[in-house]
């Protein structure tokens, strides 16, 4: 058996991240297509949560469940409600009322919100590197807006855009508050 070298692990890790980003990039157009023609937003939220619940049980096939500390149960319920329910509901209803391009662009504020919430709560501090990364990311989003196709904004609506912004805020709060979970 060949032992994995650090380089092999690094390549595999980056390929896995690339695959995750490709799948993530397909989310908004896929959801927008499905929501506009085939499925109601609440049905997609319900199906998504049921699938996530079932998939979370898969590791129990090869390992024994560990007990959860009583104090962590409320935290886990809060995390599930925030990222599983609130975020998903805002995402699905928001995408049913806006274009996937606008939704994707609005969602790029998530890293900015994570940093802002972390700084406000005293968890993190602004650094030159973080500010440079945010500026570079926002410049990319602005570039997409300015150079993007105008046909992608055909059914964009303010309510949908606000729901996507709420989704980004819920995601950011989850990432900050439940980081240790």
N, C-alpha and C. Protein backbone atom coordinates (compact mmCIF):
# COMPACT_ATOMS: atom_id res chain seq x y z
N UNK A 1 0.84 -1.18 0.00
CA UNK A 1 0.00 0.00 0.00
C UNK A 1 0.89 1.25 0.00
N UNK A 2 0.54 2.23 -0.81
CA UNK A 2 1.32 3.46 -0.93
C UNK A 2 0.90 4.42 0.17
N UNK A 3 1.88 4.92 0.88
CA UNK A 3 1.59 5.87 1.94
C UNK A 3 1.41 7.25 1.32
N UNK A 4 0.39 7.98 1.79
CA UNK A 4 0.11 9.30 1.26
C UNK A 4 1.18 10.29 1.72
N UNK A 5 1.76 10.98 0.77
CA UNK A 5 2.74 12.01 1.10
C UNK A 5 2.00 13.32 1.35
N UNK A 6 2.64 14.26 2.03
CA UNK A 6 1.99 15.54 2.26
C UNK A 6 1.56 16.23 0.96
N UNK A 7 2.34 16.05 -0.11
CA UNK A 7 1.97 16.65 -1.39
C UNK A 7 0.69 16.02 -1.93
N UNK A 8 0.60 14.68 -1.84
CA UNK A 8 -0.61 14.00 -2.29
C UNK A 8 -1.83 14.47 -1.50
N UNK A 9 -1.66 14.62 -0.19
CA UNK A 9 -2.77 15.11 0.64
C UNK A 9 -3.15 16.53 0.27
N UNK A 10 -2.17 17.35 -0.02
CA UNK A 10 -2.43 18.73 -0.42
C UNK A 10 -3.20 18.79 -1.74
N UNK A 11 -2.77 18.00 -2.70
CA UNK A 11 -3.45 17.95 -4.01
C UNK A 11 -4.87 17.43 -3.84
N UNK A 12 -5.03 16.35 -3.08
CA UNK A 12 -6.37 15.80 -2.85
C UNK A 12 -7.27 16.81 -2.14
N UNK A 13 -6.72 17.51 -1.18
CA UNK A 13 -7.49 18.52 -0.45
C UNK A 13 -7.95 19.63 -1.38
N UNK A 14 -7.04 20.10 -2.22
CA UNK A 14 -7.41 21.18 -3.14
C UNK A 14 -8.40 20.70 -4.21
N UNK A 15 -8.26 19.48 -4.66
CA UNK A 15 -9.23 18.94 -5.62
C UNK A 15 -10.61 18.80 -4.98
N UNK A 16 -10.64 18.37 -3.73
CA UNK A 16 -11.92 18.27 -3.01
C UNK A 16 -12.55 19.64 -2.84
N UNK A 17 -11.75 20.64 -2.50
CA UNK A 17 -12.27 22.00 -2.38
C UNK A 17 -12.77 22.53 -3.72
N UNK A 18 -12.05 22.23 -4.79
CA UNK A 18 -12.48 22.65 -6.11
C UNK A 18 -13.82 22.01 -6.47
N UNK A 19 -13.96 20.72 -6.21
CA UNK A 19 -15.23 20.03 -6.47
C UNK A 19 -16.37 20.64 -5.65
N UNK A 20 -16.11 20.92 -4.39
CA UNK A 20 -17.14 21.55 -3.54
C UNK A 20 -17.55 22.90 -4.11
N UNK A 21 -16.59 23.69 -4.56
CA UNK A 21 -16.91 25.00 -5.12
C UNK A 21 -17.67 24.90 -6.43
N UNK A 22 -17.36 23.91 -7.24
CA UNK A 22 -18.10 23.71 -8.48
C UNK A 22 -19.55 23.34 -8.18
N UNK A 23 -19.74 22.42 -7.24
CA UNK A 23 -21.10 22.03 -6.84
C UNK A 23 -21.83 23.24 -6.26
N UNK A 24 -21.16 23.99 -5.39
CA UNK A 24 -21.76 25.17 -4.78
C UNK A 24 -22.17 26.19 -5.85
N UNK A 25 -21.33 26.35 -6.89
CA UNK A 25 -21.63 27.31 -7.96
C UNK A 25 -22.86 26.90 -8.76
N UNK A 26 -23.15 25.62 -8.79
CA UNK A 26 -24.33 25.14 -9.54
C UNK A 26 -25.62 25.28 -8.74
N UNK A 27 -25.52 25.53 -7.44
CA UNK A 27 -26.70 25.61 -6.57
C UNK A 27 -27.73 26.64 -7.05
N UNK A 28 -27.30 27.87 -7.18
CA UNK A 28 -28.26 28.94 -7.45
C UNK A 28 -28.99 28.76 -8.78
N UNK A 29 -28.27 28.50 -9.89
CA UNK A 29 -29.01 28.27 -11.14
C UNK A 29 -29.93 27.05 -11.06
N UNK A 30 -29.47 25.97 -10.40
CA UNK A 30 -30.30 24.77 -10.27
C UNK A 30 -31.56 25.08 -9.46
N UNK A 31 -31.38 25.69 -8.29
CA UNK A 31 -32.53 26.02 -7.45
C UNK A 31 -33.49 26.94 -8.19
N UNK A 32 -32.93 27.92 -8.90
CA UNK A 32 -33.79 28.87 -9.61
C UNK A 32 -34.61 28.17 -10.69
N UNK A 33 -34.00 27.24 -11.39
CA UNK A 33 -34.71 26.49 -12.43
C UNK A 33 -35.81 25.63 -11.82
N UNK A 34 -35.47 24.90 -10.77
CA UNK A 34 -36.43 23.99 -10.12
C UNK A 34 -37.56 24.76 -9.45
N UNK A 35 -37.20 25.85 -8.76
CA UNK A 35 -38.21 26.61 -8.02
C UNK A 35 -39.21 27.30 -8.95
N UNK A 36 -38.75 27.71 -10.11
CA UNK A 36 -39.65 28.45 -11.00
C UNK A 36 -40.62 27.55 -11.77
N UNK A 37 -40.32 26.23 -11.85
CA UNK A 37 -41.16 25.38 -12.69
C UNK A 37 -41.73 24.15 -11.99
N UNK A 38 -41.01 23.58 -11.03
CA UNK A 38 -41.38 22.25 -10.59
C UNK A 38 -41.75 22.10 -9.11
N UNK A 39 -41.11 22.84 -8.25
CA UNK A 39 -41.25 22.60 -6.82
C UNK A 39 -41.48 23.92 -6.08
N UNK A 40 -42.34 23.88 -5.08
CA UNK A 40 -42.55 25.04 -4.22
C UNK A 40 -41.35 25.20 -3.28
N UNK A 41 -41.01 26.42 -2.91
CA UNK A 41 -39.85 26.63 -2.04
C UNK A 41 -39.91 25.82 -0.74
N UNK A 42 -41.05 25.76 -0.09
CA UNK A 42 -41.13 25.04 1.18
C UNK A 42 -40.94 23.53 0.98
N UNK A 43 -41.35 23.02 -0.16
CA UNK A 43 -41.15 21.60 -0.45
C UNK A 43 -39.66 21.30 -0.63
N UNK A 44 -38.94 22.21 -1.28
CA UNK A 44 -37.51 22.01 -1.47
C UNK A 44 -36.76 22.13 -0.13
N UNK A 45 -37.20 23.05 0.73
CA UNK A 45 -36.60 23.17 2.06
C UNK A 45 -36.82 21.87 2.84
N UNK A 46 -38.05 21.38 2.82
CA UNK A 46 -38.38 20.15 3.55
C UNK A 46 -37.57 18.97 3.03
N UNK A 47 -37.51 18.82 1.71
CA UNK A 47 -36.73 17.71 1.12
C UNK A 47 -35.25 17.83 1.48
N UNK A 48 -34.73 19.04 1.45
CA UNK A 48 -33.33 19.27 1.79
C UNK A 48 -33.04 18.91 3.25
N UNK A 49 -33.91 19.31 4.15
CA UNK A 49 -33.71 19.02 5.57
C UNK A 49 -33.85 17.52 5.86
N UNK A 50 -34.80 16.88 5.20
CA UNK A 50 -34.95 15.43 5.38
C UNK A 50 -33.73 14.68 4.86
N UNK A 51 -33.23 15.07 3.70
CA UNK A 51 -32.03 14.43 3.14
C UNK A 51 -30.84 14.65 4.06
N UNK A 52 -30.69 15.87 4.58
CA UNK A 52 -29.57 16.15 5.49
C UNK A 52 -29.68 15.30 6.76
N UNK A 53 -30.89 15.16 7.28
CA UNK A 53 -31.09 14.35 8.48
C UNK A 53 -30.73 12.89 8.22
N UNK A 54 -31.15 12.37 7.08
CA UNK A 54 -30.83 10.98 6.75
C UNK A 54 -29.33 10.78 6.53
N UNK A 55 -28.71 11.71 5.81
CA UNK A 55 -27.26 11.59 5.56
C UNK A 55 -26.46 11.73 6.85
N UNK A 56 -26.97 12.47 7.81
CA UNK A 56 -26.23 12.61 9.07
C UNK A 56 -26.23 11.31 9.87
N UNK A 57 -27.13 10.40 9.54
CA UNK A 57 -27.17 9.10 10.22
C UNK A 57 -26.23 8.07 9.61
N UNK A 58 -25.73 8.32 8.41
CA UNK A 58 -24.88 7.36 7.71
C UNK A 58 -23.64 6.97 8.52
N UNK A 59 -22.95 7.90 9.17
CA UNK A 59 -21.76 7.47 9.95
C UNK A 59 -22.09 6.47 11.05
N UNK A 60 -23.33 6.40 11.48
CA UNK A 60 -23.70 5.43 12.51
C UNK A 60 -23.61 4.00 12.00
N UNK A 61 -23.50 3.81 10.69
CA UNK A 61 -23.37 2.47 10.13
C UNK A 61 -22.01 1.85 10.47
N UNK A 62 -20.97 2.68 10.66
CA UNK A 62 -19.65 2.13 10.95
C UNK A 62 -19.04 2.62 12.27
N UNK A 63 -19.73 3.49 12.97
CA UNK A 63 -19.21 3.88 14.28
C UNK A 63 -20.36 4.09 15.26
N UNK A 64 -20.03 3.94 16.51
CA UNK A 64 -21.03 4.08 17.56
C UNK A 64 -21.26 5.57 17.86
N UNK A 65 -22.50 5.92 18.13
CA UNK A 65 -22.83 7.30 18.45
C UNK A 65 -22.22 7.70 19.78
N UNK A 66 -21.70 8.90 19.85
CA UNK A 66 -21.15 9.41 21.10
C UNK A 66 -22.22 10.23 21.81
N UNK A 67 -22.24 10.18 23.11
CA UNK A 67 -23.24 10.97 23.84
C UNK A 67 -22.96 12.47 23.70
N UNK A 68 -24.02 13.24 23.70
CA UNK A 68 -23.92 14.69 23.57
C UNK A 68 -24.16 15.29 24.95
N UNK A 69 -23.29 16.21 25.35
CA UNK A 69 -23.45 16.88 26.63
C UNK A 69 -24.75 17.67 26.63
N UNK A 70 -25.46 17.63 27.73
CA UNK A 70 -26.75 18.30 27.84
C UNK A 70 -26.67 19.79 27.49
N UNK A 71 -25.57 20.43 27.89
CA UNK A 71 -25.41 21.87 27.62
C UNK A 71 -25.23 22.14 26.12
N UNK A 72 -24.80 21.16 25.35
CA UNK A 72 -24.58 21.34 23.91
C UNK A 72 -25.86 21.13 23.09
N UNK A 73 -26.88 20.54 23.68
CA UNK A 73 -28.11 20.26 22.93
C UNK A 73 -28.78 21.55 22.46
N UNK A 74 -28.90 22.53 23.35
CA UNK A 74 -29.50 23.81 22.95
C UNK A 74 -28.69 24.48 21.85
N UNK A 75 -27.37 24.41 21.95
CA UNK A 75 -26.50 24.99 20.94
C UNK A 75 -26.72 24.31 19.60
N UNK A 76 -26.81 23.00 19.60
CA UNK A 76 -27.01 22.26 18.35
C UNK A 76 -28.38 22.54 17.75
N UNK A 77 -29.39 22.68 18.58
CA UNK A 77 -30.73 23.02 18.08
C UNK A 77 -30.70 24.42 17.48
N UNK A 78 -30.04 25.36 18.16
CA UNK A 78 -29.92 26.72 17.62
C UNK A 78 -29.20 26.75 16.29
N UNK A 79 -28.11 25.99 16.20
CA UNK A 79 -27.36 25.93 14.94
C UNK A 79 -28.21 25.32 13.83
N UNK A 80 -28.94 24.26 14.14
CA UNK A 80 -29.79 23.61 13.14
C UNK A 80 -30.90 24.55 12.67
N UNK A 81 -31.49 25.28 13.59
CA UNK A 81 -32.55 26.22 13.21
C UNK A 81 -32.00 27.35 12.36
N UNK A 82 -30.83 27.87 12.74
CA UNK A 82 -30.27 29.00 12.01
C UNK A 82 -29.81 28.61 10.61
N UNK A 83 -28.98 27.58 10.51
CA UNK A 83 -28.41 27.23 9.20
C UNK A 83 -29.32 26.31 8.41
N UNK A 84 -30.03 25.44 9.10
CA UNK A 84 -30.88 24.48 8.40
C UNK A 84 -32.21 25.04 7.99
N UNK A 85 -32.87 25.74 8.90
CA UNK A 85 -34.23 26.20 8.62
C UNK A 85 -34.24 27.64 8.12
N UNK A 86 -33.76 28.58 8.94
CA UNK A 86 -33.86 30.00 8.58
C UNK A 86 -33.11 30.29 7.28
N UNK A 87 -31.87 29.83 7.19
CA UNK A 87 -31.08 30.07 5.98
C UNK A 87 -31.73 29.44 4.75
N UNK A 88 -32.15 28.19 4.88
CA UNK A 88 -32.75 27.50 3.73
C UNK A 88 -34.05 28.16 3.29
N UNK A 89 -34.90 28.55 4.24
CA UNK A 89 -36.16 29.19 3.87
C UNK A 89 -35.89 30.51 3.16
N UNK A 90 -34.99 31.32 3.70
CA UNK A 90 -34.65 32.59 3.04
C UNK A 90 -34.04 32.35 1.67
N UNK A 91 -33.18 31.35 1.55
CA UNK A 91 -32.55 31.05 0.26
C UNK A 91 -33.58 30.62 -0.77
N UNK A 92 -34.42 29.66 -0.43
CA UNK A 92 -35.37 29.12 -1.41
C UNK A 92 -36.42 30.15 -1.82
N UNK A 93 -36.99 30.84 -0.84
CA UNK A 93 -37.99 31.86 -1.18
C UNK A 93 -37.33 33.04 -1.88
N UNK A 94 -36.11 33.40 -1.48
CA UNK A 94 -35.40 34.49 -2.14
C UNK A 94 -35.09 34.16 -3.59
N UNK A 95 -34.60 32.95 -3.84
CA UNK A 95 -34.28 32.56 -5.22
C UNK A 95 -35.53 32.43 -6.09
N UNK A 96 -36.67 32.14 -5.47
CA UNK A 96 -37.89 32.07 -6.27
C UNK A 96 -38.39 33.45 -6.66
N UNK A 97 -37.79 34.49 -6.07
CA UNK A 97 -38.21 35.86 -6.34
C UNK A 97 -37.11 36.74 -6.94
N UNK A 98 -35.97 36.16 -7.27
CA UNK A 98 -34.89 36.94 -7.88
C UNK A 98 -34.14 36.07 -8.88
N UNK A 99 -33.19 36.68 -9.56
CA UNK A 99 -32.40 35.93 -10.54
C UNK A 99 -31.23 35.24 -9.85
N UNK A 100 -30.75 34.12 -10.40
CA UNK A 100 -29.61 33.44 -9.79
C UNK A 100 -28.35 34.30 -9.81
N UNK A 101 -28.21 35.16 -10.81
CA UNK A 101 -27.04 36.04 -10.87
C UNK A 101 -27.07 37.02 -9.71
N UNK A 102 -28.21 37.68 -9.49
CA UNK A 102 -28.31 38.62 -8.39
C UNK A 102 -28.13 37.91 -7.05
N UNK A 103 -28.73 36.75 -6.91
CA UNK A 103 -28.59 35.98 -5.67
C UNK A 103 -27.15 35.63 -5.39
N UNK A 104 -26.43 35.19 -6.41
CA UNK A 104 -25.02 34.82 -6.24
C UNK A 104 -24.17 36.03 -5.87
N UNK A 105 -24.44 37.14 -6.52
CA UNK A 105 -23.67 38.35 -6.25
C UNK A 105 -23.94 38.85 -4.83
N UNK A 106 -25.20 38.85 -4.43
CA UNK A 106 -25.54 39.31 -3.08
C UNK A 106 -24.90 38.39 -2.04
N UNK A 107 -24.84 37.10 -2.32
CA UNK A 107 -24.28 36.14 -1.37
C UNK A 107 -22.79 36.32 -1.17
N UNK A 108 -22.13 37.07 -2.06
CA UNK A 108 -20.69 37.30 -1.89
C UNK A 108 -20.40 38.21 -0.70
N UNK A 109 -21.42 38.79 -0.08
CA UNK A 109 -21.17 39.61 1.11
C UNK A 109 -20.95 38.75 2.37
N UNK A 110 -21.16 37.45 2.27
CA UNK A 110 -21.03 36.58 3.44
C UNK A 110 -19.66 36.71 4.12
N UNK A 111 -18.52 36.63 3.42
CA UNK A 111 -17.24 36.78 4.12
C UNK A 111 -17.09 38.15 4.81
N UNK A 112 -17.60 39.18 4.17
CA UNK A 112 -17.56 40.52 4.77
C UNK A 112 -18.37 40.54 6.07
N UNK A 113 -19.57 39.95 6.03
CA UNK A 113 -20.41 39.91 7.22
C UNK A 113 -19.78 39.08 8.33
N UNK A 114 -19.14 37.96 7.97
CA UNK A 114 -18.46 37.13 8.97
C UNK A 114 -17.39 37.96 9.67
N UNK A 115 -16.59 38.67 8.91
CA UNK A 115 -15.53 39.48 9.50
C UNK A 115 -16.12 40.60 10.35
N UNK A 116 -17.13 41.29 9.84
CA UNK A 116 -17.74 42.40 10.59
C UNK A 116 -18.35 41.92 11.91
N UNK A 117 -19.08 40.81 11.86
CA UNK A 117 -19.69 40.27 13.09
C UNK A 117 -18.60 39.85 14.07
N UNK A 118 -17.54 39.21 13.55
CA UNK A 118 -16.44 38.78 14.41
C UNK A 118 -15.74 39.97 15.07
N UNK A 119 -15.56 41.05 14.32
CA UNK A 119 -14.91 42.24 14.87
C UNK A 119 -15.82 42.90 15.90
N UNK A 120 -17.11 43.03 15.60
CA UNK A 120 -18.05 43.66 16.53
C UNK A 120 -18.13 42.87 17.84
N UNK A 121 -18.09 41.54 17.76
CA UNK A 121 -18.16 40.71 18.96
C UNK A 121 -16.81 40.55 19.66
N UNK A 122 -15.76 41.14 19.10
CA UNK A 122 -14.44 41.08 19.71
C UNK A 122 -13.72 39.76 19.50
N UNK A 123 -14.18 38.96 18.57
CA UNK A 123 -13.57 37.66 18.29
C UNK A 123 -12.37 37.79 17.36
N UNK A 124 -12.43 38.75 16.46
CA UNK A 124 -11.42 38.90 15.43
C UNK A 124 -11.05 40.38 15.31
N UNK A 125 -10.00 40.65 14.55
CA UNK A 125 -9.56 42.02 14.30
C UNK A 125 -9.30 42.18 12.81
N UNK A 126 -9.46 43.42 12.34
CA UNK A 126 -9.11 43.71 10.96
C UNK A 126 -7.59 43.65 10.81
N UNK A 127 -7.14 43.01 9.73
CA UNK A 127 -5.72 43.02 9.38
C UNK A 127 -5.62 43.45 7.93
N UNK A 128 -4.44 43.84 7.54
CA UNK A 128 -4.24 44.26 6.14
C UNK A 128 -4.58 43.13 5.17
N UNK A 129 -4.17 41.92 5.53
CA UNK A 129 -4.41 40.78 4.64
C UNK A 129 -5.91 40.50 4.51
N UNK A 130 -6.65 40.57 5.61
CA UNK A 130 -8.10 40.34 5.56
C UNK A 130 -8.80 41.41 4.76
N UNK A 131 -8.40 42.65 4.96
CA UNK A 131 -8.99 43.75 4.20
C UNK A 131 -8.67 43.62 2.72
N UNK A 132 -7.43 43.23 2.40
CA UNK A 132 -7.05 43.03 1.00
C UNK A 132 -7.87 41.91 0.37
N UNK A 133 -8.08 40.82 1.11
CA UNK A 133 -8.90 39.72 0.59
C UNK A 133 -10.33 40.13 0.35
N UNK A 134 -10.89 40.90 1.27
CA UNK A 134 -12.26 41.38 1.10
C UNK A 134 -12.38 42.33 -0.08
N UNK A 135 -11.42 43.23 -0.21
CA UNK A 135 -11.44 44.18 -1.34
C UNK A 135 -11.33 43.42 -2.66
N UNK A 136 -10.45 42.44 -2.71
CA UNK A 136 -10.29 41.64 -3.93
C UNK A 136 -11.58 40.88 -4.26
N UNK A 137 -12.19 40.27 -3.24
CA UNK A 137 -13.45 39.55 -3.45
C UNK A 137 -14.58 40.46 -3.90
N UNK A 138 -14.70 41.60 -3.26
CA UNK A 138 -15.75 42.55 -3.64
C UNK A 138 -15.50 43.12 -5.03
N UNK A 139 -14.22 43.32 -5.38
CA UNK A 139 -13.90 43.79 -6.73
C UNK A 139 -14.34 42.77 -7.77
N UNK A 140 -14.16 41.50 -7.46
CA UNK A 140 -14.64 40.45 -8.36
C UNK A 140 -16.14 40.48 -8.52
N UNK A 141 -16.87 40.69 -7.41
CA UNK A 141 -18.33 40.77 -7.48
C UNK A 141 -18.77 41.98 -8.30
N UNK A 142 -18.11 43.12 -8.09
CA UNK A 142 -18.44 44.33 -8.85
C UNK A 142 -18.14 44.10 -10.33
N UNK A 143 -17.02 43.41 -10.61
CA UNK A 143 -16.69 43.10 -12.00
C UNK A 143 -17.75 42.24 -12.67
N UNK A 144 -18.27 41.27 -11.93
CA UNK A 144 -19.33 40.43 -12.47
C UNK A 144 -20.58 41.26 -12.76
N UNK A 145 -20.91 42.18 -11.86
CA UNK A 145 -22.08 43.04 -12.05
C UNK A 145 -21.90 43.92 -13.28
N UNK A 146 -20.73 44.56 -13.38
CA UNK A 146 -20.50 45.51 -14.47
C UNK A 146 -20.33 44.83 -15.83
N UNK A 147 -19.75 43.65 -15.83
CA UNK A 147 -19.48 42.95 -17.10
C UNK A 147 -20.49 41.85 -17.39
N UNK A 148 -21.40 41.59 -16.46
CA UNK A 148 -22.34 40.48 -16.60
C UNK A 148 -23.38 40.72 -17.67
N UNK A 149 -24.03 39.63 -18.02
CA UNK A 149 -25.09 39.70 -19.03
C UNK A 149 -26.33 40.32 -18.42
N UNK A 150 -26.95 41.24 -19.15
CA UNK A 150 -28.14 41.90 -18.64
C UNK A 150 -29.36 40.98 -18.67
N UNK A 151 -29.35 39.93 -19.45
CA UNK A 151 -30.48 39.01 -19.53
C UNK A 151 -30.68 38.20 -18.27
N UNK A 152 -29.67 38.09 -17.43
CA UNK A 152 -29.77 37.31 -16.21
C UNK A 152 -30.58 37.98 -15.12
N UNK A 153 -30.92 39.24 -15.31
CA UNK A 153 -31.63 40.00 -14.29
C UNK A 153 -33.11 40.15 -14.64
N UNK A 154 -33.63 39.28 -15.47
CA UNK A 154 -34.98 39.47 -15.98
C UNK A 154 -36.06 39.41 -14.91
N UNK A 155 -35.94 38.55 -13.92
CA UNK A 155 -36.99 38.49 -12.91
C UNK A 155 -36.46 38.78 -11.51
N UNK A 156 -35.52 39.69 -11.45
CA UNK A 156 -34.96 40.07 -10.17
C UNK A 156 -35.94 40.98 -9.44
N UNK A 157 -36.09 40.73 -8.13
CA UNK A 157 -37.01 41.55 -7.35
C UNK A 157 -36.39 41.95 -6.03
N UNK A 158 -36.81 43.09 -5.50
CA UNK A 158 -36.27 43.61 -4.26
C UNK A 158 -36.50 42.66 -3.09
N UNK A 159 -37.70 42.09 -2.99
CA UNK A 159 -38.01 41.17 -1.88
C UNK A 159 -37.08 39.95 -1.94
N UNK A 160 -36.90 39.39 -3.12
CA UNK A 160 -36.00 38.25 -3.27
C UNK A 160 -34.57 38.60 -2.93
N UNK A 161 -34.12 39.77 -3.38
CA UNK A 161 -32.76 40.21 -3.07
C UNK A 161 -32.56 40.40 -1.56
N UNK A 162 -33.57 40.96 -0.89
CA UNK A 162 -33.49 41.14 0.57
C UNK A 162 -33.47 39.79 1.28
N UNK A 163 -34.23 38.82 0.76
CA UNK A 163 -34.21 37.48 1.37
C UNK A 163 -32.85 36.82 1.20
N UNK A 164 -32.21 37.00 0.05
CA UNK A 164 -30.87 36.45 -0.17
C UNK A 164 -29.88 37.15 0.77
N UNK A 165 -30.03 38.45 0.97
CA UNK A 165 -29.16 39.16 1.92
C UNK A 165 -29.38 38.61 3.34
N UNK A 166 -30.63 38.32 3.69
CA UNK A 166 -30.93 37.70 4.99
C UNK A 166 -30.30 36.32 5.10
N UNK A 167 -30.30 35.60 4.01
CA UNK A 167 -29.65 34.27 3.97
C UNK A 167 -28.15 34.42 4.22
N UNK A 168 -27.53 35.41 3.60
CA UNK A 168 -26.10 35.66 3.81
C UNK A 168 -25.84 36.04 5.27
N UNK A 169 -26.73 36.83 5.86
CA UNK A 169 -26.58 37.22 7.26
C UNK A 169 -26.72 36.00 8.18
N UNK A 170 -27.71 35.15 7.92
CA UNK A 170 -27.90 33.94 8.72
C UNK A 170 -26.67 33.03 8.62
N UNK A 171 -26.14 32.87 7.42
CA UNK A 171 -24.94 32.05 7.22
C UNK A 171 -23.76 32.63 7.99
N UNK A 172 -23.61 33.94 7.92
CA UNK A 172 -22.51 34.61 8.62
C UNK A 172 -22.62 34.45 10.13
N UNK A 173 -23.82 34.64 10.66
CA UNK A 173 -24.04 34.47 12.10
C UNK A 173 -23.71 33.04 12.52
N UNK A 174 -24.13 32.08 11.73
CA UNK A 174 -23.83 30.68 12.02
C UNK A 174 -22.33 30.45 12.07
N UNK A 175 -21.63 30.97 11.06
CA UNK A 175 -20.19 30.75 10.99
C UNK A 175 -19.45 31.37 12.18
N UNK A 176 -19.94 32.47 12.68
CA UNK A 176 -19.29 33.13 13.82
C UNK A 176 -19.70 32.48 15.13
N UNK A 177 -20.99 32.37 15.37
CA UNK A 177 -21.49 31.92 16.67
C UNK A 177 -21.24 30.45 16.94
N UNK A 178 -21.26 29.63 15.90
CA UNK A 178 -21.14 28.20 16.10
C UNK A 178 -19.83 27.64 15.57
N UNK A 179 -18.81 28.48 15.49
CA UNK A 179 -17.52 28.06 14.96
C UNK A 179 -16.94 26.88 15.73
N UNK A 180 -17.07 26.90 17.04
CA UNK A 180 -16.51 25.84 17.87
C UNK A 180 -17.36 24.58 17.87
N UNK A 181 -18.58 24.67 17.42
CA UNK A 181 -19.48 23.51 17.42
C UNK A 181 -18.96 22.46 16.47
